[in-house]
């Protein structure tokens, strides 16, 4: 069995837009999954994931907290239990509009390291 604890076994990356991301499965994850990437982000109040797009399809599922999701020109409020499907190449972004941390599980396929992480860390994407 391959088992780990998201919070104890994965340090994650602190992103300038206001979140800590942890890749669980995938190319740069704790376990190198074969077909997909799954990760967990804690988005701080006022923080988010800048608007970006990529070749992969993706889902975001809100586990805790509230916010807004932008996808291809539409913005919708989010609460725990909400899940959003994003087609490839659709601009999308997330913002925590609440007063507590937002916990988000994301999955995308096919498996790759998406460009927007490096772009955000370098200051190119805000």
Protein backbone atom coordinates (compact mmCIF):
# COMPACT_ATOMS: atom_id res chain seq x y z
CA UNK A 1 0.00 0.00 0.00
CA UNK A 2 1.22 3.47 -0.86
CA UNK A 3 0.06 5.82 1.91
CA UNK A 4 1.06 9.25 3.17
CA UNK A 5 -0.37 12.22 5.07
CA UNK A 6 -0.90 15.37 2.99
CA UNK A 7 0.07 17.73 5.81
CA UNK A 8 2.82 15.74 7.53
CA UNK A 9 4.60 14.22 4.54
CA UNK A 10 4.38 16.95 1.88
CA UNK A 11 5.88 20.35 2.68
CA UNK A 12 4.38 21.91 -0.43
CA UNK A 13 5.11 25.25 -2.07
CA UNK A 14 4.12 28.69 -0.85
CA UNK A 15 2.79 30.70 -3.81
CA UNK A 16 2.88 34.52 -3.96
CA UNK A 17 -0.86 34.76 -4.75
CA UNK A 18 -1.65 33.53 -1.23
CA UNK A 19 -1.76 29.75 -0.95
CA UNK A 20 0.28 26.65 -0.11
CA UNK A 21 0.00 23.93 -2.74
CA UNK A 22 0.82 20.27 -2.22
CA UNK A 23 1.03 17.85 -5.15
CA UNK A 24 -0.06 14.42 -4.00
CA UNK A 25 0.07 12.38 -7.22
CA UNK A 26 1.74 13.24 -10.51
CA UNK A 27 5.02 14.20 -12.13
CA UNK A 28 6.21 16.27 -9.16
CA UNK A 29 4.01 14.67 -6.50
CA UNK A 30 4.65 12.51 -3.47
CA UNK A 31 3.73 9.54 -5.68
CA UNK A 32 4.31 9.72 -9.43
CA UNK A 33 0.86 8.82 -10.76
CA UNK A 34 0.69 7.49 -14.29
CA UNK A 35 -2.12 9.48 -15.94
CA UNK A 36 -3.22 12.39 -13.78
CA UNK A 37 -2.20 14.94 -11.15
CA UNK A 38 -4.02 15.40 -7.85
CA UNK A 39 -3.19 18.10 -5.37
CA UNK A 40 -4.40 19.98 -2.34
CA UNK A 41 -4.20 23.72 -1.82
CA UNK A 42 -4.88 25.81 1.24
CA UNK A 43 -5.85 29.26 -0.02
CA UNK A 44 -5.53 32.04 2.55
CA UNK A 45 -8.18 34.76 3.01
CA UNK A 46 -7.82 37.21 0.13
CA UNK A 47 -5.50 34.82 -1.69
CA UNK A 48 -6.08 32.73 -4.76
CA UNK A 49 -4.88 31.12 -7.94
CA UNK A 50 -4.27 33.69 -10.71
CA UNK A 51 -6.21 33.39 -13.97
CA UNK A 52 -4.37 31.01 -16.29
CA UNK A 53 -5.05 28.28 -18.83
CA UNK A 54 -3.43 25.04 -19.93
CA UNK A 55 -3.84 22.01 -22.18
CA UNK A 56 -5.20 19.83 -19.38
CA UNK A 57 -8.76 19.34 -18.23
CA UNK A 58 -9.13 20.07 -14.52
CA UNK A 59 -11.51 19.91 -11.58
CA UNK A 60 -11.52 21.96 -8.39
CA UNK A 61 -13.49 20.71 -5.37
CA UNK A 62 -14.00 22.97 -2.36
CA UNK A 63 -13.64 21.10 0.92
CA UNK A 64 -13.69 24.05 3.33
CA UNK A 65 -14.17 27.82 3.07
CA UNK A 66 -15.81 30.10 0.52
CA UNK A 67 -14.72 31.95 -2.56
CA UNK A 68 -15.24 32.64 -6.24
CA UNK A 69 -14.23 30.69 -9.32
CA UNK A 70 -13.68 32.36 -12.67
CA UNK A 71 -13.96 30.13 -15.77
CA UNK A 72 -13.99 31.42 -19.34
CA UNK A 73 -15.74 34.72 -18.61
CA UNK A 74 -18.08 33.48 -15.85
CA UNK A 75 -17.65 33.97 -12.09
CA UNK A 76 -19.56 31.85 -9.58
CA UNK A 77 -19.54 31.77 -5.77
CA UNK A 78 -18.14 28.62 -4.12
CA UNK A 79 -18.89 26.83 -0.85
CA UNK A 80 -17.86 23.47 0.66
CA UNK A 81 -18.93 20.58 -1.56
CA UNK A 82 -18.92 22.59 -4.80
CA UNK A 83 -16.94 21.05 -7.65
CA UNK A 84 -16.04 22.77 -10.94
CA UNK A 85 -15.04 21.08 -14.21
CA UNK A 86 -12.77 23.09 -16.51
CA UNK A 87 -12.25 22.16 -20.16
CA UNK A 88 -8.77 22.44 -21.69
CA UNK A 89 -7.54 25.91 -22.63
CA UNK A 90 -10.29 27.71 -20.69
CA UNK A 91 -8.99 30.66 -18.65
CA UNK A 92 -9.73 30.04 -14.96
CA UNK A 93 -8.79 31.32 -11.54
CA UNK A 94 -9.85 31.07 -7.90
CA UNK A 95 -10.16 33.60 -5.07
CA UNK A 96 -10.81 33.07 -1.38
CA UNK A 97 -13.43 35.69 -0.45
CA UNK A 98 -13.99 34.34 3.06
CA UNK A 99 -12.42 35.01 6.45
CA UNK A 100 -10.90 31.55 6.88
CA UNK A 101 -8.61 29.32 4.85
CA UNK A 102 -10.18 27.66 1.83
CA UNK A 103 -9.22 24.00 1.28
CA UNK A 104 -9.30 22.88 -2.35
CA UNK A 105 -8.64 19.50 -3.96
CA UNK A 106 -7.72 19.63 -7.64
CA UNK A 107 -7.24 16.96 -10.29
CA UNK A 108 -6.03 17.41 -13.84
CA UNK A 109 -5.11 15.22 -16.78
CA UNK A 110 -3.04 14.39 -18.63
CA UNK A 111 -0.17 14.32 -16.16
CA UNK A 112 2.33 17.19 -16.56
CA UNK A 113 3.86 20.05 -14.63
CA UNK A 114 1.73 23.02 -15.67
CA UNK A 115 3.49 26.24 -16.69
CA UNK A 116 1.51 28.61 -14.50
CA UNK A 117 3.20 27.41 -11.28
CA UNK A 118 6.63 28.51 -12.49
CA UNK A 119 5.21 31.68 -14.01
CA UNK A 120 3.62 32.64 -10.69
CA UNK A 121 6.75 31.83 -8.66
CA UNK A 122 8.88 33.96 -11.03
CA UNK A 123 6.49 36.92 -10.77
CA UNK A 124 5.35 36.70 -14.41
CA UNK A 125 1.78 35.66 -13.43
CA UNK A 126 -0.06 37.62 -10.72
